[in-house]
Each structure stands twice: as C-alpha cells, then as structure tokens.
PDB file of N, CA and C in Angstrom:
ATOM      1  N   MET A   1     107.068 124.003  87.543  1.00  0.00           N
ATOM      2  CA  MET A   1     107.366 122.944  88.480  1.00  0.00           C
ATOM      3  C   MET A   1     106.516 121.728  88.139  1.00  0.00           C
ATOM      4  N   CYS A   2     107.116 120.566  88.205  1.00  0.00           N
ATOM      5  CA  CYS A   2     106.405 119.320  87.937  1.00  0.00           C
ATOM      6  C   CYS A   2     106.134 118.609  89.259  1.00  0.00           C
ATOM      7  N   LEU A   3     105.009 117.929  89.307  1.00  0.00           N
ATOM      8  CA  LEU A   3     104.630 117.234  90.524  1.00  0.00           C
ATOM      9  C   LEU A   3     104.132 115.846  90.175  1.00  0.00           C
ATOM     10  N   ALA A   4     104.708 114.846  90.825  1.00  0.00           N
ATOM     11  CA  ALA A   4     104.218 113.473  90.694  1.00  0.00           C
ATOM     12  C   ALA A   4     103.355 113.195  91.913  1.00  0.00           C
ATOM     13  N   VAL A   5     102.232 112.540  91.708  1.00  0.00           N
ATOM     14  CA  VAL A   5     101.311 112.269  92.810  1.00  0.00           C
ATOM     15  C   VAL A   5     101.204 110.765  93.041  1.00  0.00           C
ATOM     16  N   PRO A   6     101.021 110.362  94.302  1.00  0.00           N
ATOM     17  CA  PRO A   6     100.934 108.933  94.594  1.00  0.00           C
ATOM     18  C   PRO A   6      99.555 108.375  94.289  1.00  0.00           C
ATOM     19  N   ALA A   7      99.532 107.158  93.783  1.00  0.00           N
ATOM     20  CA  ALA A   7      98.280 106.489  93.459  1.00  0.00           C
ATOM     21  C   ALA A   7      98.451 104.997  93.718  1.00  0.00           C
ATOM     22  N   LYS A   8      97.332 104.321  93.949  1.00  0.00           N
ATOM     23  CA  LYS A   8      97.368 102.874  94.167  1.00  0.00           C
ATOM     24  C   LYS A   8      97.033 102.166  92.864  1.00  0.00           C
ATOM     25  N   LEU A   9      97.839 101.197  92.503  1.00  0.00           N
ATOM     26  CA  LEU A   9      97.646 100.447  91.266  1.00  0.00           C
ATOM     27  C   LEU A   9      96.575  99.376  91.484  1.00  0.00           C
ATOM     28  N   LEU A  10      95.473  99.501  90.749  1.00  0.00           N
ATOM     29  CA  LEU A  10      94.327  98.604  90.910  1.00  0.00           C
ATOM     30  C   LEU A  10      94.297  97.459  89.915  1.00  0.00           C
ATOM     31  N   GLU A  11      94.695  97.724  88.672  1.00  0.00           N
ATOM     32  CA  GLU A  11      94.630  96.723  87.601  1.00  0.00           C
ATOM     33  C   GLU A  11      95.802  96.920  86.662  1.00  0.00           C
ATOM     34  N   ILE A  12      96.172  95.830  85.996  1.00  0.00           N
ATOM     35  CA  ILE A  12      97.200  95.895  84.955  1.00  0.00           C
ATOM     36  C   ILE A  12      96.699  95.126  83.743  1.00  0.00           C
ATOM     37  N   LYS A  13      96.813  95.757  82.584  1.00  0.00           N
ATOM     38  CA  LYS A  13      96.495  95.091  81.322  1.00  0.00           C
ATOM     39  C   LYS A  13      97.550  95.523  80.312  1.00  0.00           C
ATOM     40  N   ASP A  14      98.382  94.578  79.943  1.00  0.00           N
ATOM     41  CA  ASP A  14      99.518  94.852  79.059  1.00  0.00           C
ATOM     42  C   ASP A  14     100.404  95.910  79.707  1.00  0.00           C
ATOM     43  N   SER A  15     100.645  97.022  79.030  1.00  0.00           N
ATOM     44  CA  SER A  15     101.512  98.056  79.604  1.00  0.00           C
ATOM     45  C   SER A  15     100.703  99.234  80.160  1.00  0.00           C
ATOM     46  N   LEU A  16      99.407  99.006  80.393  1.00  0.00           N
ATOM     47  CA  LEU A  16      98.565 100.028  80.993  1.00  0.00           C
ATOM     48  C   LEU A  16      98.101  99.574  82.368  1.00  0.00           C
ATOM     49  N   GLY A  17      97.980 100.525  83.258  1.00  0.00           N
ATOM     50  CA  GLY A  17      97.460 100.229  84.576  1.00  0.00           C
ATOM     51  C   GLY A  17      96.321 101.171  84.902  1.00  0.00           C
ATOM     52  N   LYS A  18      95.452 100.731  85.798  1.00  0.00           N
ATOM     53  CA  LYS A  18      94.400 101.604  86.312  1.00  0.00           C
ATOM     54  C   LYS A  18      94.781 101.919  87.750  1.00  0.00           C
ATOM     55  N   VAL A  19      94.820 103.231  88.075  1.00  0.00           N
ATOM     56  CA  VAL A  19      95.186 103.658  89.418  1.00  0.00           C
ATOM     57  C   VAL A  19      94.048 104.448  90.051  1.00  0.00           C
ATOM     58  N   GLU A  20      94.045 104.462  91.381  1.00  0.00           N
ATOM     59  CA  GLU A  20      93.086 105.267  92.140  1.00  0.00           C
ATOM     60  C   GLU A  20      93.860 106.403  92.771  1.00  0.00           C
ATOM     61  N   LEU A  21      93.347 107.596  92.549  1.00  0.00           N
ATOM     62  CA  LEU A  21      94.015 108.811  92.992  1.00  0.00           C
ATOM     63  C   LEU A  21      92.964 109.703  93.635  1.00  0.00           C
ATOM     64  N   SER A  22      92.938 109.740  94.954  1.00  0.00           N
ATOM     65  CA  SER A  22      91.970 110.552  95.696  1.00  0.00           C
ATOM     66  C   SER A  22      90.528 110.249  95.281  1.00  0.00           C
ATOM     67  N   GLY A  23      90.218 108.964  95.137  1.00  0.00           N
ATOM     68  CA  GLY A  23      88.863 108.556  94.795  1.00  0.00           C
ATOM     69  C   GLY A  23      88.542 108.538  93.317  1.00  0.00           C
ATOM     70  N   VAL A  24      89.477 108.945  92.484  1.00  0.00           N
ATOM     71  CA  VAL A  24      89.280 108.983  91.033  1.00  0.00           C
ATOM     72  C   VAL A  24      90.176 107.921  90.400  1.00  0.00           C
ATOM     73  N   THR A  25      89.633 107.154  89.446  1.00  0.00           N
ATOM     74  CA  THR A  25      90.464 106.177  88.745  1.00  0.00           C
ATOM     75  C   THR A  25      90.887 106.731  87.392  1.00  0.00           C
ATOM     76  N   ARG A  26      92.117 106.406  87.032  1.00  0.00           N
ATOM     77  CA  ARG A  26      92.681 106.860  85.759  1.00  0.00           C
ATOM     78  C   ARG A  26      93.557 105.762  85.189  1.00  0.00           C
ATOM     79  N   GLU A  27      93.709 105.780  83.879  1.00  0.00           N
ATOM     80  CA  GLU A  27      94.652 104.871  83.241  1.00  0.00           C
ATOM     81  C   GLU A  27      96.007 105.553  83.161  1.00  0.00           C
ATOM     82  N   VAL A  28      97.050 104.760  83.407  1.00  0.00           N
ATOM     83  CA  VAL A  28      98.414 105.272  83.309  1.00  0.00           C
ATOM     84  C   VAL A  28      99.261 104.264  82.545  1.00  0.00           C
ATOM     85  N   SER A  29     100.309 104.751  81.943  1.00  0.00           N
ATOM     86  CA  SER A  29     101.253 103.880  81.266  1.00  0.00           C
ATOM     87  C   SER A  29     102.201 103.276  82.298  1.00  0.00           C
ATOM     88  N   LEU A  30     102.480 101.987  82.132  1.00  0.00           N
ATOM     89  CA  LEU A  30     103.451 101.304  82.983  1.00  0.00           C
ATOM     90  C   LEU A  30     104.743 101.012  82.219  1.00  0.00           C
ATOM     91  N   MET A  31     104.910 101.662  81.071  1.00  0.00           N
ATOM     92  CA  MET A  31     106.091 101.419  80.247  1.00  0.00           C
ATOM     93  C   MET A  31     107.388 101.740  80.987  1.00  0.00           C
ATOM     94  N   LEU A  32     107.366 102.716  81.878  1.00  0.00           N
ATOM     95  CA  LEU A  32     108.570 103.082  82.628  1.00  0.00           C
ATOM     96  C   LEU A  32     108.727 102.276  83.902  1.00  0.00           C
ATOM     97  N   LEU A  33     107.727 101.460  84.239  1.00  0.00           N
ATOM     98  CA  LEU A  33     107.724 100.731  85.502  1.00  0.00           C
ATOM     99  C   LEU A  33     107.128  99.327  85.306  1.00  0.00           C
ATOM    100  N   PRO A  34     107.744  98.529  84.438  1.00  0.00           N
ATOM    101  CA  PRO A  34     107.162  97.220  84.126  1.00  0.00           C
ATOM    102  C   PRO A  34     107.130  96.258  85.316  1.00  0.00           C
ATOM    103  N   GLU A  35     107.901  96.530  86.361  1.00  0.00           N
ATOM    104  CA  GLU A  35     107.928  95.649  87.532  1.00  0.00           C
ATOM    105  C   GLU A  35     106.781  95.905  88.513  1.00  0.00           C
ATOM    106  N   ALA A  36     105.972  96.934  88.269  1.00  0.00           N
ATOM    107  CA  ALA A  36     104.862  97.265  89.169  1.00  0.00           C
ATOM    108  C   ALA A  36     103.842  96.126  89.206  1.00  0.00           C
ATOM    109  N   LYS A  37     103.260  95.937  90.411  1.00  0.00           N
ATOM    110  CA  LYS A  37     102.254  94.899  90.616  1.00  0.00           C
ATOM    111  C   LYS A  37     100.980  95.530  91.166  1.00  0.00           C
ATOM    112  N   VAL A  38      99.853  94.854  90.961  1.00  0.00           N
ATOM    113  CA  VAL A  38      98.586  95.313  91.536  1.00  0.00           C
ATOM    114  C   VAL A  38      98.769  95.437  93.047  1.00  0.00           C
ATOM    115  N   GLY A  39      98.298  96.542  93.590  1.00  0.00           N
ATOM    116  CA  GLY A  39      98.435  96.808  95.019  1.00  0.00           C
ATOM    117  C   GLY A  39      99.594  97.722  95.351  1.00  0.00           C
ATOM    118  N   ASP A  40     100.543  97.897  94.418  1.00  0.00           N
ATOM    119  CA  ASP A  40     101.664  98.811  94.653  1.00  0.00           C
ATOM    120  C   ASP A  40     101.170 100.247  94.686  1.00  0.00           C
ATOM    121  N   HIS A  41     101.912 101.077  95.395  1.00  0.00           N
ATOM    122  CA  HIS A  41     101.690 102.519  95.360  1.00  0.00           C
ATOM    123  C   HIS A  41     102.746 103.090  94.420  1.00  0.00           C
ATOM    124  N   VAL A  42     102.314 103.877  93.456  1.00  0.00           N
ATOM    125  CA  VAL A  42     103.228 104.414  92.459  1.00  0.00           C
ATOM    126  C   VAL A  42     103.091 105.930  92.375  1.00  0.00           C
ATOM    127  N   LEU A  43     104.179 106.575  91.982  1.00  0.00           N
ATOM    128  CA  LEU A  43     104.128 108.008  91.693  1.00  0.00           C
ATOM    129  C   LEU A  43     103.775 108.172  90.230  1.00  0.00           C
ATOM    130  N   VAL A  44     102.796 109.028  89.958  1.00  0.00           N
ATOM    131  CA  VAL A  44     102.298 109.237  88.599  1.00  0.00           C
ATOM    132  C   VAL A  44     102.554 110.678  88.187  1.00  0.00           C
ATOM    133  N   HIS A  45     103.105 110.835  86.998  1.00  0.00           N
ATOM    134  CA  HIS A  45     103.310 112.164  86.422  1.00  0.00           C
ATOM    135  C   HIS A  45     103.031 112.083  84.933  1.00  0.00           C
ATOM    136  N   ALA A  46     102.207 112.987  84.451  1.00  0.00           N
ATOM    137  CA  ALA A  46     101.903 113.108  83.018  1.00  0.00           C
ATOM    138  C   ALA A  46     101.434 111.787  82.409  1.00  0.00           C
ATOM    139  N   GLY A  47     100.672 111.020  83.180  1.00  0.00           N
ATOM    140  CA  GLY A  47     100.103 109.791  82.666  1.00  0.00           C
ATOM    141  C   GLY A  47     101.014 108.576  82.723  1.00  0.00           C
ATOM    142  N   PHE A  48     102.177 108.717  83.360  1.00  0.00           N
ATOM    143  CA  PHE A  48     103.131 107.624  83.483  1.00  0.00           C
ATOM    144  C   PHE A  48     103.385 107.300  84.940  1.00  0.00           C
ATOM    145  N   ALA A  49     103.347 106.017  85.300  1.00  0.00           N
ATOM    146  CA  ALA A  49     103.812 105.576  86.612  1.00  0.00           C
ATOM    147  C   ALA A  49     105.331 105.591  86.531  1.00  0.00           C
ATOM    148  N   MET A  50     105.966 106.288  87.491  1.00  0.00           N
ATOM    149  CA  MET A  50     107.405 106.506  87.382  1.00  0.00           C
ATOM    150  C   MET A  50     108.232 105.825  88.466  1.00  0.00           C
ATOM    151  N   GLN A  51     107.612 105.538  89.610  1.00  0.00           N
ATOM    152  CA  GLN A  51     108.369 104.972  90.725  1.00  0.00           C
ATOM    153  C   GLN A  51     107.410 104.280  91.681  1.00  0.00           C
ATOM    154  N   ILE A  52     107.843 103.169  92.260  1.00  0.00           N
ATOM    155  CA  ILE A  52     107.081 102.512  93.316  1.00  0.00           C
ATOM    156  C   ILE A  52     107.507 103.136  94.640  1.00  0.00           C
ATOM    157  N   VAL A  53     106.522 103.471  95.489  1.00  0.00           N
ATOM    158  CA  VAL A  53     106.819 104.029  96.808  1.00  0.00           C
ATOM    159  C   VAL A  53     106.206 103.131  97.882  1.00  0.00           C
ATOM    160  N   ASP A  54     106.780 103.181  99.081  1.00  0.00           N
ATOM    161  CA  ASP A  54     106.246 102.357 100.164  1.00  0.00           C
ATOM    162  C   ASP A  54     105.028 103.025 100.797  1.00  0.00           C
ATOM    163  N   GLU A  55     104.352 102.280 101.643  1.00  0.00           N
ATOM    164  CA  GLU A  55     103.110 102.742 102.280  1.00  0.00           C
ATOM    165  C   GLU A  55     103.316 104.039 103.060  1.00  0.00           C
ATOM    166  N   LYS A  56     104.426 104.142 103.796  1.00  0.00           N
ATOM    167  CA  LYS A  56     104.696 105.340 104.605  1.00  0.00           C
ATOM    168  C   LYS A  56     104.836 106.580 103.720  1.00  0.00           C
ATOM    169  N   GLU A  57     105.620 106.468 102.662  1.00  0.00           N
ATOM    170  CA  GLU A  57     105.799 107.608 101.758  1.00  0.00           C
ATOM    171  C   GLU A  57     104.483 107.980 101.081  1.00  0.00           C
ATOM    172  N   PHE A  58     103.684 106.964 100.721  1.00  0.00           N
ATOM    173  CA  PHE A  58     102.370 107.189 100.121  1.00  0.00           C
ATOM    174  C   PHE A  58     101.488 108.008 101.069  1.00  0.00           C
ATOM    175  N   GLU A  59     101.419 107.596 102.332  1.00  0.00           N
ATOM    176  CA  GLU A  59     100.589 108.296 103.329  1.00  0.00           C
ATOM    177  C   GLU A  59     101.094 109.713 103.586  1.00  0.00           C
ATOM    178  N   GLU A  60     102.402 109.871 103.739  1.00  0.00           N
ATOM    179  CA  GLU A  60     102.965 111.198 104.001  1.00  0.00           C
ATOM    180  C   GLU A  60     102.709 112.159 102.847  1.00  0.00           C
ATOM    181  N   THR A  61     102.899 111.696 101.630  1.00  0.00           N
ATOM    182  CA  THR A  61     102.684 112.559 100.462  1.00  0.00           C
ATOM    183  C   THR A  61     101.213 112.948 100.345  1.00  0.00           C
ATOM    184  N   ASN A  62     100.309 111.992 100.570  1.00  0.00           N
ATOM    185  CA  ASN A  62      98.883 112.323 100.519  1.00  0.00           C
ATOM    186  C   ASN A  62      98.504 113.312 101.615  1.00  0.00           C
ATOM    187  N   ALA A  63      99.099 113.173 102.803  1.00  0.00           N
ATOM    188  CA  ALA A  63      98.823 114.109 103.890  1.00  0.00           C
ATOM    189  C   ALA A  63      99.308 115.514 103.536  1.00  0.00           C
ATOM    190  N   LEU A  64     100.489 115.605 102.942  1.00  0.00           N
ATOM    191  CA  LEU A  64     101.002 116.915 102.535  1.00  0.00           C
ATOM    192  C   LEU A  64     100.126 117.551 101.458  1.00  0.00           C
ATOM    193  N   LEU A  65      99.685 116.745 100.494  1.00  0.00           N
ATOM    194  CA  LEU A  65      98.794 117.277  99.454  1.00  0.00           C
ATOM    195  C   LEU A  65      97.476 117.752 100.057  1.00  0.00           C
ATOM    196  N   ALA A  66      96.953 117.013 101.030  1.00  0.00           N
ATOM    197  CA  ALA A  66      95.708 117.419 101.700  1.00  0.00           C
ATOM    198  C   ALA A  66      95.909 118.742 102.431  1.00  0.00           C
ATOM    199  N   GLU A  67      97.040 118.884 103.119  1.00  0.00           N
ATOM    200  CA  GLU A  67      97.330 120.137 103.815  1.00  0.00           C
ATOM    201  C   GLU A  67      97.422 121.306 102.843  1.00  0.00           C
ATOM    202  N   MET A  68      98.036 121.069 101.687  1.00  0.00           N
ATOM    203  CA  MET A  68      98.165 122.139 100.693  1.00  0.00           C
ATOM    204  C   MET A  68      96.797 122.622 100.225  1.00  0.00           C
ATOM    205  N   HIS A  69      95.822 121.729 100.249  1.00  0.00           N
ATOM    206  CA  HIS A  69      94.470 122.070  99.806  1.00  0.00           C
ATOM    207  C   HIS A  69      93.546 122.410 100.973  1.00  0.00           C
ATOM    208  N   GLY A  70      94.131 122.654 102.152  1.00  0.00           N
ATOM    209  CA  GLY A  70      93.326 123.071 103.297  1.00  0.00           C
ATOM    210  C   GLY A  70      92.635 121.953 104.037  1.00  0.00           C
ATOM    211  N   GLY A  71      93.024 120.718 103.772  1.00  0.00           N
ATOM    212  CA  GLY A  71      92.405 119.575 104.444  1.00  0.00           C
ATOM    213  C   GLY A  71      92.773 119.516 105.915  1.00  0.00           C
ATOM    214  N   PRO A  72      91.950 118.846 106.711  1.00  0.00           N
ATOM    215  CA  PRO A  72      92.192 118.775 108.157  1.00  0.00           C
ATOM    216  C   PRO A  72      93.305 117.810 108.544  1.00  0.00           C
ATOM    217  N   ARG A  73      93.649 116.874 107.671  1.00  0.00           N
ATOM    218  CA  ARG A  73      94.668 115.887 107.986  1.00  0.00           C
ATOM    219  C   ARG A  73      96.050 116.531 107.943  1.00  0.00           C
ATOM    220  N   THR A  74      96.915 116.159 108.875  1.00  0.00           N
ATOM    221  CA  THR A  74      98.276 116.688 108.851  1.00  0.00           C
ATOM    222  C   THR A  74      99.270 115.550 108.912  1.00  0.00           C
ATOM    223  N   VAL A  75     100.477 115.829 108.461  1.00  0.00           N
ATOM    224  CA  VAL A  75     101.536 114.833 108.462  1.00  0.00           C
ATOM    225  C   VAL A  75     101.848 114.423 109.896  1.00  0.00           C
ATOM    226  N   ASN A  76     101.802 115.347 110.834  1.00  0.00           N
ATOM    227  CA  ASN A  76     102.152 115.044 112.221  1.00  0.00           C
ATOM    228  C   ASN A  76     101.196 114.017 112.821  1.00  0.00           C
ATOM    229  N   GLU A  77      99.958 113.941 112.371  1.00  0.00           N
ATOM    230  CA  GLU A  77      98.982 113.015 112.911  1.00  0.00           C
ATOM    231  C   GLU A  77      99.200 111.593 112.407  1.00  0.00           C
ATOM    232  N   LEU A  78     100.000 111.384 111.390  1.00  0.00           N
ATOM    233  CA  LEU A  78     100.205 110.063 110.824  1.00  0.00           C
ATOM    234  C   LEU A  78     100.885 109.118 111.809  1.00  0.00           C
ATOM    235  N   GLY A  79     101.785 109.645 112.636  1.00  0.00           N
ATOM    236  CA  GLY A  79     102.524 108.812 113.570  1.00  0.00           C
ATOM    237  C   GLY A  79     101.704 108.361 114.762  1.00  0.00           C
ATOM    238  N   SER A  80     100.519 108.957 114.999  1.00  0.00           N
ATOM    239  CA  SER A  80      99.734 108.608 116.180  1.00  0.00           C
ATOM    240  C   SER A  80      99.009 107.308 116.025  1.00  0.00           C
TER     241      SER A  80
END
C-alpha cells in the first residue's frame, strides 16, 4: 500500500521544494506540481509533491495520521 502524506511547502528553488512534515523538513521534487506556491499544502509520496490540498483536508489527514500513531488528537475535535 502506498501512502501520500500532507506537508506545507516552505521554499521553492527551481523544481525543488522544501516542505515541513510533522516538524521535519525535507526536499521534494515539484516536477509533477509546477503550479505549487510557497504556503500551499501538498501531498508528498516518494519524494514528489503530487497534489495541492486545502487547509481542511490537510488538518483532517494529519489528525487521522496522529490517531493511527496513538496521538490524542482526533478528527472529531477538528470541527470544535
């Protein structure tokens, strides 16, 4: 099974971007997503940004990932 994770795009230099993913920064290729801008939330898989997602989807996906790892945050609390 493959999983793409949401990350915030912090910097862009040519076709590479720097993203923040749960407090960790990584370089990703933007070759598949040349329209991405700094500040966008993107789905990252295998070192490639693949899709821009909105703030709500970004928060929900991060909440689900936290729940999978036993975190206290839940998706149901996002709406409060």
